[in-house]
Structures are given as structure tokens and as C-alpha cells.
């Protein structure tokens, strides 16, 4: 399996994804680099699919992936119902142009 390492070791990468995913579900959209957005897109789809399932096991898996239990509650109660009839493709990536400091390509990733 090939994936982006984002210049981090596995522990730092998992922590980064945990915080990005929590912020994403808290606010519905975030601004990040293109590489990070493409990497978390699959994780977002997986968490929404878990929330649509809605059982206790799915909730525990989501809590393991997210930092804040209030965000997990929001995911299961609000976001899952919104996408009940949709079979994947829950996110949209909008390009913003390069970041000023290091010219990294920036994007906004948001729920459809």
C-alpha cells in the first residue's frame, strides 16, 4: 500500500490525522495543504460510513479516530443523517493557490 508520509513518522502522522479529522467534523470545512487533504479524504468517507451504520461498535471505532466525543456525537446525530441516501463521495476539494511562506498548494476541503 502506498500513501503519503507527509514528512512525519507513523505516530506523528496518526496524531496529525486525528486532529485534522476532529477539526473537519467540528467545522464542516478546513483549509489545509493539498497532500493532507487528499490523504484524509478516504478517512473522512470511512468515518461517515461508520456513522451511517450507527451501532455501538461503529461509535467506538469513531471515538478511537477522533479526539473529541462531542464531535463524534455530531457526526452520528447530524452528519450521518444528512448523507443517509448517498453512497460515498462526501467531500469536495477546492484549490486556493500557493501558501505565502513556502508556496505549498493550499485547498479547502468541505462536506458536499
Protein backbone atom coordinates (compact mmCIF):
# COMPACT_ATOMS: atom_id res chain seq x y z
CA UNK A 1 0.00 0.00 0.00
CA UNK A 2 1.38 3.37 -0.98
CA UNK A 3 0.50 6.53 0.93
CA UNK A 4 1.93 9.95 1.68
CA UNK A 5 4.20 10.09 4.72
CA UNK A 6 3.99 13.91 4.97
CA UNK A 7 7.50 14.15 6.44
CA UNK A 8 6.45 12.51 9.72
CA UNK A 9 6.90 9.21 11.50
CA UNK A 10 3.85 6.99 11.96
CA UNK A 11 2.92 8.28 15.43
CA UNK A 12 3.10 11.92 14.41
CA UNK A 13 1.13 11.18 11.24
CA UNK A 14 -1.65 9.44 13.21
CA UNK A 15 -1.81 12.36 15.65
CA UNK A 16 -1.96 14.82 12.74
CA UNK A 17 -4.82 12.93 11.08
CA UNK A 18 -6.67 12.69 14.40
CA UNK A 19 -6.55 16.46 14.93
CA UNK A 20 -7.37 17.29 11.28
CA UNK A 21 -10.36 14.90 11.25
CA UNK A 22 -11.67 16.31 14.54
CA UNK A 23 -11.42 19.88 13.24
CA UNK A 24 -13.03 18.87 9.95
CA UNK A 25 -16.11 17.33 11.54
CA UNK A 26 -16.32 20.16 14.10
CA UNK A 27 -16.41 22.94 11.48
CA UNK A 28 -17.57 21.14 8.31
CA UNK A 29 -14.66 22.53 6.29
CA UNK A 30 -10.97 23.24 6.82
CA UNK A 31 -8.09 24.86 4.98
CA UNK A 32 -5.03 22.65 4.60
CA UNK A 33 -2.39 21.57 2.09
CA UNK A 34 -3.42 19.56 -0.94
CA UNK A 35 -1.41 16.48 0.09
CA UNK A 36 -3.02 16.36 3.56
CA UNK A 37 -6.49 16.88 2.10
CA UNK A 38 -6.09 14.05 -0.40
CA UNK A 39 -4.77 11.78 2.35
CA UNK A 40 -7.63 12.41 4.83
CA UNK A 41 -10.40 12.22 2.20
CA UNK A 42 -10.59 8.43 2.50
CA UNK A 43 -10.61 8.61 6.29
CA UNK A 44 -13.50 11.09 6.21
CA UNK A 45 -15.51 8.79 3.93
CA UNK A 46 -14.79 5.84 6.23
CA UNK A 47 -15.93 7.73 9.35
CA UNK A 48 -19.16 8.92 7.70
CA UNK A 49 -19.87 5.34 6.58
CA UNK A 50 -19.34 4.18 10.18
CA UNK A 51 -21.70 6.89 11.40
CA UNK A 52 -24.35 5.78 8.90
CA UNK A 53 -24.09 2.25 10.34
CA UNK A 54 -24.72 3.79 13.74
CA UNK A 55 -24.16 0.82 16.07
CA UNK A 56 -22.06 0.76 19.23
CA UNK A 57 -19.04 -0.83 17.55
CA UNK A 58 -19.01 1.88 14.86
CA UNK A 59 -19.26 4.59 17.54
CA UNK A 60 -16.28 3.13 19.42
CA UNK A 61 -14.22 2.98 16.22
CA UNK A 62 -15.06 6.64 15.54
CA UNK A 63 -14.08 7.65 19.09
CA UNK A 64 -10.72 5.93 18.55
CA UNK A 65 -10.16 8.03 15.38
CA UNK A 66 -11.37 11.40 16.73
CA UNK A 67 -10.21 13.41 19.75
CA UNK A 68 -13.48 14.93 20.97
CA UNK A 69 -16.58 12.89 21.91
CA UNK A 70 -18.84 15.89 21.18
CA UNK A 71 -17.61 15.76 17.58
CA UNK A 72 -18.42 12.02 17.45
CA UNK A 73 -21.94 12.82 18.70
CA UNK A 74 -22.31 15.47 15.97
CA UNK A 75 -21.02 13.00 13.35
CA UNK A 76 -23.51 10.30 14.34
CA UNK A 77 -26.55 12.53 15.03
CA UNK A 78 -26.32 15.25 12.36
CA UNK A 79 -23.85 14.39 9.59
CA UNK A 80 -24.81 10.70 9.17
CA UNK A 81 -28.49 11.55 8.64
CA UNK A 82 -27.60 14.15 6.04
CA UNK A 83 -25.84 11.52 3.89
CA UNK A 84 -28.13 8.54 4.54
CA UNK A 85 -29.06 8.18 0.85
CA UNK A 86 -25.58 8.94 -0.56
CA UNK A 87 -23.14 6.15 -1.45
CA UNK A 88 -19.76 7.81 -0.84
CA UNK A 89 -18.20 10.99 -2.21
CA UNK A 90 -18.97 13.14 0.82
CA UNK A 91 -16.19 15.68 0.35
CA UNK A 92 -15.19 18.40 -2.10
CA UNK A 93 -11.67 19.81 -2.51
CA UNK A 94 -11.39 23.41 -3.74
CA UNK A 95 -7.94 24.69 -4.74
CA UNK A 96 -6.89 28.08 -3.33
CA UNK A 97 -3.40 28.62 -4.74
CA UNK A 98 0.03 28.56 -3.12
CA UNK A 99 0.70 29.36 0.55
CA UNK A 100 2.68 32.56 1.00
CA UNK A 101 5.52 31.22 3.15
CA UNK A 102 6.60 28.08 1.30
CA UNK A 103 4.40 28.02 -1.83
CA UNK A 104 2.69 24.78 -0.75
CA UNK A 105 -0.56 24.27 -2.71
CA UNK A 106 -3.45 25.08 -0.36
CA UNK A 107 -7.01 23.75 -0.60
CA UNK A 108 -10.31 23.92 1.24
CA UNK A 109 -11.83 20.51 1.94
CA UNK A 110 -15.54 20.58 2.83
CA UNK A 111 -18.61 18.40 3.08
CA UNK A 112 -20.73 18.29 -0.07
